[in-house]
Each structure stands twice: as structure tokens, then as C-alpha cells.
Amino acid sequence: MPITIGWNEASAIPIGLVVIREVYEKHLRDLTENDFEGESPDCKSIESAKLVLSCIYKVSLDDNDKVWVVKFEHADIPKEVVR
């Protein structure tokens, strides 16, 4: 599956391929250290996740909201192949 950067699908730039290993749903209040493993440094706690996700999706989130946790790893394929 391609991984991209950008704010919308039309202008997204492919930067590589990933393999999705696990997907699950949780309430924000139930996220654990394991759920944040591999996350960017600005999103390593429940409070920071609420702030970051609220900014990205332009909604106000609270501890009762559900989120999807997607665990993936980079595929060993040059980004030129993705385009």
C-alpha cells in the first residue's frame, strides 16, 4: 500500500510503500504506550493525540471518542516504484 504526504488525495505525494500489520479501534481514553509505539514525537500521549487529531480532522475530540490504530511497517521497495 502506498504511503503519501499531503492534506488531500488529489495533491498527495507518494513516498514509499507500507505493509499494514494490524488495525484496531479503541476509545482515546484506553490508548496505551504500546498503541503509541512508532508514532511521531508530537503524538505520544492521549492528550497530544487529541490535539493532533483535532487539528488534522478539524473536530474537537474527547476521551470518549473512538480512533483507529493502524500498525504498519515500511516495505523495502524504492519510492520510484510507487509512482
PDB file of N, CA and C in Angstrom:
ATOM      1  N   MET A   1       0.845  -1.160   0.000  1.00  0.00           N
ATOM      2  CA  MET A   1       0.000   0.000   0.000  1.00  0.00           C
ATOM      3  C   MET A   1       0.901   1.236   0.000  1.00  0.00           C
ATOM      4  N   PRO A   2       0.625   2.242  -0.848  1.00  0.00           N
ATOM      5  CA  PRO A   2       1.451   3.441  -0.859  1.00  0.00           C
ATOM      6  C   PRO A   2       1.200   4.308   0.367  1.00  0.00           C
ATOM      7  N   ILE A   3       2.247   4.944   0.850  1.00  0.00           N
ATOM      8  CA  ILE A   3       2.116   5.942   1.907  1.00  0.00           C
ATOM      9  C   ILE A   3       2.419   7.284   1.263  1.00  0.00           C
ATOM     10  N   THR A   4       1.652   8.299   1.617  1.00  0.00           N
ATOM     11  CA  THR A   4       1.770   9.594   0.962  1.00  0.00           C
ATOM     12  C   THR A   4       1.919  10.714   1.990  1.00  0.00           C
ATOM     13  N   ILE A   5       2.332  11.873   1.502  1.00  0.00           N
ATOM     14  CA  ILE A   5       2.293  13.090   2.307  1.00  0.00           C
ATOM     15  C   ILE A   5       1.397  14.071   1.588  1.00  0.00           C
ATOM     16  N   GLY A   6       0.715  14.909   2.343  1.00  0.00           N
ATOM     17  CA  GLY A   6      -0.188  15.889   1.751  1.00  0.00           C
ATOM     18  C   GLY A   6      -1.506  15.903   2.494  1.00  0.00           C
ATOM     19  N   TRP A   7      -2.268  16.956   2.288  1.00  0.00           N
ATOM     20  CA  TRP A   7      -3.521  17.127   3.022  1.00  0.00           C
ATOM     21  C   TRP A   7      -4.736  16.569   2.304  1.00  0.00           C
ATOM     22  N   ASN A   8      -4.638  16.313   1.005  1.00  0.00           N
ATOM     23  CA  ASN A   8      -5.787  15.729   0.321  1.00  0.00           C
ATOM     24  C   ASN A   8      -5.285  14.758  -0.744  1.00  0.00           C
ATOM     25  N   GLU A   9      -6.158  13.888  -1.154  1.00  0.00           N
ATOM     26  CA  GLU A   9      -5.794  12.818  -2.087  1.00  0.00           C
ATOM     27  C   GLU A   9      -5.300  13.355  -3.429  1.00  0.00           C
ATOM     28  N   ALA A  10      -5.882  14.443  -3.898  1.00  0.00           N
ATOM     29  CA  ALA A  10      -5.521  14.979  -5.214  1.00  0.00           C
ATOM     30  C   ALA A  10      -4.070  15.465  -5.268  1.00  0.00           C
ATOM     31  N   SER A  11      -3.574  15.998  -4.158  1.00  0.00           N
ATOM     32  CA  SER A  11      -2.218  16.540  -4.173  1.00  0.00           C
ATOM     33  C   SER A  11      -1.226  15.681  -3.385  1.00  0.00           C
ATOM     34  N   ALA A  12      -1.647  14.514  -2.943  1.00  0.00           N
ATOM     35  CA  ALA A  12      -0.782  13.643  -2.146  1.00  0.00           C
ATOM     36  C   ALA A  12       0.410  13.163  -2.970  1.00  0.00           C
ATOM     37  N   ILE A  13       1.565  13.129  -2.330  1.00  0.00           N
ATOM     38  CA  ILE A  13       2.796  12.700  -2.984  1.00  0.00           C
ATOM     39  C   ILE A  13       3.218  11.354  -2.398  1.00  0.00           C
ATOM     40  N   PRO A  14       3.302  10.311  -3.228  1.00  0.00           N
ATOM     41  CA  PRO A  14       3.732   9.007  -2.719  1.00  0.00           C
ATOM     42  C   PRO A  14       5.209   9.052  -2.320  1.00  0.00           C
ATOM     43  N   ILE A  15       5.525   8.488  -1.142  1.00  0.00           N
ATOM     44  CA  ILE A  15       6.908   8.494  -0.675  1.00  0.00           C
ATOM     45  C   ILE A  15       7.438   7.085  -0.405  1.00  0.00           C
ATOM     46  N   GLY A  16       6.593   6.095  -0.520  1.00  0.00           N
ATOM     47  CA  GLY A  16       7.044   4.731  -0.294  1.00  0.00           C
ATOM     48  C   GLY A  16       5.871   3.779  -0.173  1.00  0.00           C
ATOM     49  N   LEU A  17       6.177   2.555   0.158  1.00  0.00           N
ATOM     50  CA  LEU A  17       5.153   1.528   0.351  1.00  0.00           C
ATOM     51  C   LEU A  17       5.221   1.014   1.777  1.00  0.00           C
ATOM     52  N   VAL A  18       4.062   0.641   2.305  1.00  0.00           N
ATOM     53  CA  VAL A  18       3.993   0.059   3.639  1.00  0.00           C
ATOM     54  C   VAL A  18       3.194  -1.229   3.594  1.00  0.00           C
ATOM     55  N   VAL A  19       3.424  -2.042   4.604  1.00  0.00           N
ATOM     56  CA  VAL A  19       2.644  -3.250   4.817  1.00  0.00           C
ATOM     57  C   VAL A  19       1.875  -3.046   6.122  1.00  0.00           C
ATOM     58  N   ILE A  20       0.555  -3.127   6.048  1.00  0.00           N
ATOM     59  CA  ILE A  20      -0.268  -2.974   7.248  1.00  0.00           C
ATOM     60  C   ILE A  20      -0.234  -4.279   8.023  1.00  0.00           C
ATOM     61  N   ARG A  21       0.138  -4.201   9.299  1.00  0.00           N
ATOM     62  CA  ARG A  21       0.271  -5.380  10.150  1.00  0.00           C
ATOM     63  C   ARG A  21      -0.913  -5.581  11.085  1.00  0.00           C
ATOM     64  N   GLU A  22      -1.554  -4.484  11.477  1.00  0.00           N
ATOM     65  CA  GLU A  22      -2.639  -4.595  12.458  1.00  0.00           C
ATOM     66  C   GLU A  22      -3.491  -3.335  12.424  1.00  0.00           C
ATOM     67  N   VAL A  23      -4.797  -3.492  12.585  1.00  0.00           N
ATOM     68  CA  VAL A  23      -5.728  -2.374  12.657  1.00  0.00           C
ATOM     69  C   VAL A  23      -6.743  -2.698  13.736  1.00  0.00           C
ATOM     70  N   TYR A  24      -6.950  -1.749  14.657  1.00  0.00           N
ATOM     71  CA  TYR A  24      -7.955  -1.959  15.691  1.00  0.00           C
ATOM     72  C   TYR A  24      -8.498  -0.614  16.166  1.00  0.00           C
ATOM     73  N   GLU A  25      -9.673  -0.676  16.775  1.00  0.00           N
ATOM     74  CA  GLU A  25     -10.370   0.516  17.242  1.00  0.00           C
ATOM     75  C   GLU A  25     -10.323   0.578  18.763  1.00  0.00           C
ATOM     76  N   LYS A  26     -10.146   1.789  19.309  1.00  0.00           N
ATOM     77  CA  LYS A  26     -10.122   1.997  20.755  1.00  0.00           C
ATOM     78  C   LYS A  26     -10.685   3.370  21.083  1.00  0.00           C
ATOM     79  N   HIS A  27     -11.209   3.498  22.306  1.00  0.00           N
ATOM     80  CA  HIS A  27     -11.529   4.829  22.812  1.00  0.00           C
ATOM     81  C   HIS A  27     -10.213   5.541  23.097  1.00  0.00           C
ATOM     82  N   LEU A  28     -10.184   6.842  22.888  1.00  0.00           N
ATOM     83  CA  LEU A  28      -8.972   7.602  23.176  1.00  0.00           C
ATOM     84  C   LEU A  28      -8.494   7.349  24.608  1.00  0.00           C
ATOM     85  N   ARG A  29      -9.413   7.291  25.550  1.00  0.00           N
ATOM     86  CA  ARG A  29      -9.047   7.117  26.965  1.00  0.00           C
ATOM     87  C   ARG A  29      -8.347   5.795  27.237  1.00  0.00           C
ATOM     88  N   ASP A  30      -8.504   4.818  26.336  1.00  0.00           N
ATOM     89  CA  ASP A  30      -7.945   3.484  26.546  1.00  0.00           C
ATOM     90  C   ASP A  30      -6.620   3.251  25.819  1.00  0.00           C
ATOM     91  N   LEU A  31      -6.118   4.262  25.125  1.00  0.00           N
ATOM     92  CA  LEU A  31      -4.847   4.094  24.421  1.00  0.00           C
ATOM     93  C   LEU A  31      -3.715   3.869  25.424  1.00  0.00           C
ATOM     94  N   THR A  32      -2.788   2.995  25.054  1.00  0.00           N
ATOM     95  CA  THR A  32      -1.665   2.653  25.932  1.00  0.00           C
ATOM     96  C   THR A  32      -0.341   3.038  25.263  1.00  0.00           C
ATOM     97  N   GLU A  33       0.726   2.886  26.001  1.00  0.00           N
ATOM     98  CA  GLU A  33       2.055   3.158  25.467  1.00  0.00           C
ATOM     99  C   GLU A  33       2.309   2.325  24.209  1.00  0.00           C
ATOM    100  N   ASN A  34       1.849   1.087  24.196  1.00  0.00           N
ATOM    101  CA  ASN A  34       2.015   0.219  23.030  1.00  0.00           C
ATOM    102  C   ASN A  34       1.306   0.787  21.794  1.00  0.00           C
ATOM    103  N   ASP A  35       0.145   1.399  21.998  1.00  0.00           N
ATOM    104  CA  ASP A  35      -0.590   1.986  20.876  1.00  0.00           C
ATOM    105  C   ASP A  35       0.181   3.140  20.245  1.00  0.00           C
ATOM    106  N   PHE A  36       0.992   3.849  21.031  1.00  0.00           N
ATOM    107  CA  PHE A  36       1.762   4.986  20.543  1.00  0.00           C
ATOM    108  C   PHE A  36       3.139   4.584  20.008  1.00  0.00           C
ATOM    109  N   GLU A  37       3.487   3.319  20.103  1.00  0.00           N
ATOM    110  CA  GLU A  37       4.786   2.858  19.622  1.00  0.00           C
ATOM    111  C   GLU A  37       4.914   3.130  18.121  1.00  0.00           C
ATOM    112  N   GLY A  38       5.991   3.799  17.744  1.00  0.00           N
ATOM    113  CA  GLY A  38       6.226   4.134  16.341  1.00  0.00           C
ATOM    114  C   GLY A  38       5.567   5.429  15.898  1.00  0.00           C
ATOM    115  N   GLU A  39       4.825   6.064  16.771  1.00  0.00           N
ATOM    116  CA  GLU A  39       4.133   7.313  16.440  1.00  0.00           C
ATOM    117  C   GLU A  39       5.136   8.459  16.387  1.00  0.00           C
ATOM    118  N   SER A  40       4.770   9.524  15.691  1.00  0.00           N
ATOM    119  CA  SER A  40       5.653  10.680  15.613  1.00  0.00           C
ATOM    120  C   SER A  40       5.799  11.314  17.001  1.00  0.00           C
ATOM    121  N   PRO A  41       6.913  12.005  17.239  1.00  0.00           N
ATOM    122  CA  PRO A  41       7.178  12.561  18.573  1.00  0.00           C
ATOM    123  C   PRO A  41       6.114  13.526  19.081  1.00  0.00           C
ATOM    124  N   ASP A  42       5.371  14.172  18.196  1.00  0.00           N
ATOM    125  CA  ASP A  42       4.348  15.119  18.641  1.00  0.00           C
ATOM    126  C   ASP A  42       3.043  14.445  19.045  1.00  0.00           C
ATOM    127  N   CYS A  43       3.001  13.129  19.006  1.00  0.00           N
ATOM    128  CA  CYS A  43       1.746  12.413  19.285  1.00  0.00           C
ATOM    129  C   CYS A  43       2.029  11.139  20.073  1.00  0.00           C
ATOM    130  N   LYS A  44       2.544  11.306  21.295  1.00  0.00           N
ATOM    131  CA  LYS A  44       2.958  10.156  22.098  1.00  0.00           C
ATOM    132  C   LYS A  44       2.153   9.996  23.382  1.00  0.00           C
ATOM    133  N   SER A  45       1.040  10.718  23.499  1.00  0.00           N
ATOM    134  CA  SER A  45       0.190  10.611  24.690  1.00  0.00           C
ATOM    135  C   SER A  45      -1.262  10.819  24.272  1.00  0.00           C
ATOM    136  N   ILE A  46      -2.163  10.501  25.171  1.00  0.00           N
ATOM    137  CA  ILE A  46      -3.591  10.689  24.871  1.00  0.00           C
ATOM    138  C   ILE A  46      -3.888  12.166  24.622  1.00  0.00           C
ATOM    139  N   GLU A  47      -3.360  13.031  25.468  1.00  0.00           N
ATOM    140  CA  GLU A  47      -3.621  14.469  25.311  1.00  0.00           C
ATOM    141  C   GLU A  47      -3.069  15.001  23.991  1.00  0.00           C
ATOM    142  N   SER A  48      -1.855  14.596  23.637  1.00  0.00           N
ATOM    143  CA  SER A  48      -1.297  15.082  22.370  1.00  0.00           C
ATOM    144  C   SER A  48      -2.036  14.472  21.182  1.00  0.00           C
ATOM    145  N   ALA A  49      -2.477  13.223  21.301  1.00  0.00           N
ATOM    146  CA  ALA A  49      -3.242  12.597  20.219  1.00  0.00           C
ATOM    147  C   ALA A  49      -4.552  13.350  19.987  1.00  0.00           C
ATOM    148  N   LYS A  50      -5.226  13.740  21.064  1.00  0.00           N
ATOM    149  CA  LYS A  50      -6.468  14.509  20.912  1.00  0.00           C
ATOM    150  C   LYS A  50      -6.199  15.825  20.183  1.00  0.00           C
ATOM    151  N   LEU A  51      -5.126  16.501  20.554  1.00  0.00           N
ATOM    152  CA  LEU A  51      -4.795  17.775  19.926  1.00  0.00           C
ATOM    153  C   LEU A  51      -4.432  17.589  18.454  1.00  0.00           C
ATOM    154  N   VAL A  52      -3.548  16.659  18.162  1.00  0.00           N
ATOM    155  CA  VAL A  52      -3.096  16.441  16.783  1.00  0.00           C
ATOM    156  C   VAL A  52      -4.256  16.001  15.893  1.00  0.00           C
ATOM    157  N   LEU A  53      -5.032  15.021  16.345  1.00  0.00           N
ATOM    158  CA  LEU A  53      -6.152  14.534  15.534  1.00  0.00           C
ATOM    159  C   LEU A  53      -7.229  15.602  15.361  1.00  0.00           C
ATOM    160  N   SER A  54      -7.462  16.411  16.403  1.00  0.00           N
ATOM    161  CA  SER A  54      -8.429  17.506  16.296  1.00  0.00           C
ATOM    162  C   SER A  54      -8.000  18.505  15.227  1.00  0.00           C
ATOM    163  N   CYS A  55      -6.710  18.787  15.160  1.00  0.00           N
ATOM    164  CA  CYS A  55      -6.196  19.715  14.138  1.00  0.00           C
ATOM    165  C   CYS A  55      -6.301  19.117  12.741  1.00  0.00           C
ATOM    166  N   ILE A  56      -5.931  17.860  12.595  1.00  0.00           N
ATOM    167  CA  ILE A  56      -5.963  17.219  11.280  1.00  0.00           C
ATOM    168  C   ILE A  56      -7.385  17.135  10.740  1.00  0.00           C
ATOM    169  N   TYR A  57      -8.320  16.674  11.589  1.00  0.00           N
ATOM    170  CA  TYR A  57      -9.681  16.424  11.111  1.00  0.00           C
ATOM    171  C   TYR A  57     -10.651  17.573  11.378  1.00  0.00           C
ATOM    172  N   LYS A  58     -10.138  18.640  11.999  1.00  0.00           N
ATOM    173  CA  LYS A  58     -10.945  19.844  12.251  1.00  0.00           C
ATOM    174  C   LYS A  58     -12.214  19.537  13.040  1.00  0.00           C
ATOM    175  N   VAL A  59     -12.043  18.734  14.090  1.00  0.00           N
ATOM    176  CA  VAL A  59     -13.119  18.413  15.030  1.00  0.00           C
ATOM    177  C   VAL A  59     -12.529  18.446  16.432  1.00  0.00           C
ATOM    178  N   SER A  60     -13.363  18.581  17.420  1.00  0.00           N
ATOM    179  CA  SER A  60     -12.915  18.543  18.806  1.00  0.00           C
ATOM    180  C   SER A  60     -13.124  17.130  19.342  1.00  0.00           C
ATOM    181  N   LEU A  61     -12.058  16.505  19.798  1.00  0.00           N
ATOM    182  CA  LEU A  61     -12.136  15.132  20.304  1.00  0.00           C
ATOM    183  C   LEU A  61     -12.046  15.108  21.814  1.00  0.00           C
ATOM    184  N   ASP A  62     -12.684  14.112  22.426  1.00  0.00           N
ATOM    185  CA  ASP A  62     -12.533  13.919  23.869  1.00  0.00           C
ATOM    186  C   ASP A  62     -12.220  12.457  24.157  1.00  0.00           C
ATOM    187  N   ASP A  63     -12.031  12.131  25.404  1.00  0.00           N
ATOM    188  CA  ASP A  63     -11.609  10.785  25.807  1.00  0.00           C
ATOM    189  C   ASP A  63     -12.579   9.685  25.385  1.00  0.00           C
ATOM    190  N   ASN A  64     -13.844  10.025  25.164  1.00  0.00           N
ATOM    191  CA  ASN A  64     -14.846   9.018  24.801  1.00  0.00           C
ATOM    192  C   ASN A  64     -14.881   8.703  23.308  1.00  0.00           C
ATOM    193  N   ASP A  65     -14.212   9.506  22.499  1.00  0.00           N
ATOM    194  CA  ASP A  65     -14.199   9.259  21.059  1.00  0.00           C
ATOM    195  C   ASP A  65     -13.364   8.027  20.738  1.00  0.00           C
ATOM    196  N   LYS A  66     -13.761   7.347  19.675  1.00  0.00           N
ATOM    197  CA  LYS A  66     -13.021   6.168  19.217  1.00  0.00           C
ATOM    198  C   LYS A  66     -12.085   6.569  18.087  1.00  0.00           C
ATOM    199  N   VAL A  67     -10.933   5.916  18.057  1.00  0.00           N
ATOM    200  CA  VAL A  67      -9.948   6.127  16.996  1.00  0.00           C
ATOM    201  C   VAL A  67      -9.513   4.772  16.471  1.00  0.00           C
ATOM    202  N   TRP A  68      -8.967   4.777  15.270  1.00  0.00           N
ATOM    203  CA  TRP A  68      -8.398   3.568  14.685  1.00  0.00           C
ATOM    204  C   TRP A  68      -6.886   3.631  14.849  1.00  0.00           C
ATOM    205  N   VAL A  69      -6.313   2.576  15.361  1.00  0.00           N
ATOM    206  CA  VAL A  69      -4.866   2.447  15.459  1.00  0.00           C
ATOM    207  C   VAL A  69      -4.436   1.548  14.302  1.00  0.00           C
ATOM    208  N   VAL A  70      -3.514   2.051  13.481  1.00  0.00           N
ATOM    209  CA  VAL A  70      -3.029   1.298  12.327  1.00  0.00           C
ATOM    210  C   VAL A  70      -1.532   1.083  12.517  1.00  0.00           C
ATOM    211  N   LYS A  71      -1.135  -0.166  12.649  1.00  0.00           N
ATOM    212  CA  LYS A  71       0.278  -0.520  12.788  1.00  0.00           C
ATOM    213  C   LYS A  71       0.782  -0.967  11.428  1.00  0.00           C
ATOM    214  N   PHE A  72       1.868  -0.344  10.972  1.00  0.00           N
ATOM    215  CA  PHE A  72       2.418  -0.705   9.667  1.00  0.00           C
ATOM    216  C   PHE A  72       3.929  -0.639   9.718  1.00  0.00           C
ATOM    217  N   GLU A  73       4.545  -1.207   8.705  1.00  0.00           N
ATOM    218  CA  GLU A  73       5.988  -1.103   8.559  1.00  0.00           C
ATOM    219  C   GLU A  73       6.300  -0.778   7.108  1.00  0.00           C
ATOM    220  N   HIS A  74       7.409  -0.118   6.936  1.00  0.00           N
ATOM    221  CA  HIS A  74       7.824   0.257   5.582  1.00  0.00           C
ATOM    222  C   HIS A  74       8.231  -0.986   4.800  1.00  0.00           C
ATOM    223  N   ALA A  75       7.790  -1.044   3.557  1.00  0.00           N
ATOM    224  CA  ALA A  75       8.200  -2.122   2.658  1.00  0.00           C
ATOM    225  C   ALA A  75       9.551  -1.739   2.067  1.00  0.00           C
ATOM    226  N   ASP A  76      10.355  -2.708   1.779  1.00  0.00           N
ATOM    227  CA  ASP A  76      11.695  -2.454   1.254  1.00  0.00           C
ATOM    228  C   ASP A  76      11.646  -2.334  -0.269  1.00  0.00           C
ATOM    229  N   ILE A  77      10.960  -1.261  -0.722  1.00  0.00           N
ATOM    230  CA  ILE A  77      10.789  -1.028  -2.157  1.00  0.00           C
ATOM    231  C   ILE A  77      11.124   0.441  -2.422  1.00  0.00           C
ATOM    232  N   PRO A  78      11.960   0.730  -3.409  1.00  0.00           N
ATOM    233  CA  PRO A  78      12.308   2.127  -3.692  1.00  0.00           C
ATOM    234  C   PRO A  78      11.075   2.948  -4.040  1.00  0.00           C
ATOM    235  N   LYS A  79      11.048   4.221  -3.596  1.00  0.00           N
ATOM    236  CA  LYS A  79       9.867   5.056  -3.823  1.00  0.00           C
ATOM    237  C   LYS A  79       9.590   5.290  -5.307  1.00  0.00           C
ATOM    238  N   GLU A  80      10.592   5.149  -6.181  1.00  0.00           N
ATOM    239  CA  GLU A  80      10.364   5.332  -7.607  1.00  0.00           C
ATOM    240  C   GLU A  80       9.370   4.305  -8.148  1.00  0.00           C
ATOM    241  N   VAL A  81       9.301   3.134  -7.523  1.00  0.00           N
ATOM    242  CA  VAL A  81       8.388   2.082  -7.946  1.00  0.00           C
ATOM    243  C   VAL A  81       6.945   2.452  -7.615  1.00  0.00           C
ATOM    244  N   VAL A  82       6.746   3.287  -6.608  1.00  0.00           N
ATOM    245  CA  VAL A  82       5.417   3.644  -6.145  1.00  0.00           C
ATOM    246  C   VAL A  82       4.696   4.513  -7.163  1.00  0.00           C
ATOM    247  N   ARG A  83       5.393   5.368  -7.817  1.00  0.00           N
ATOM    248  CA  ARG A  83       4.764   6.322  -8.738  1.00  0.00           C
ATOM    249  C   ARG A  83       4.196   5.617  -9.880  1.00  0.00           C
TER     250      ARG A  83
END
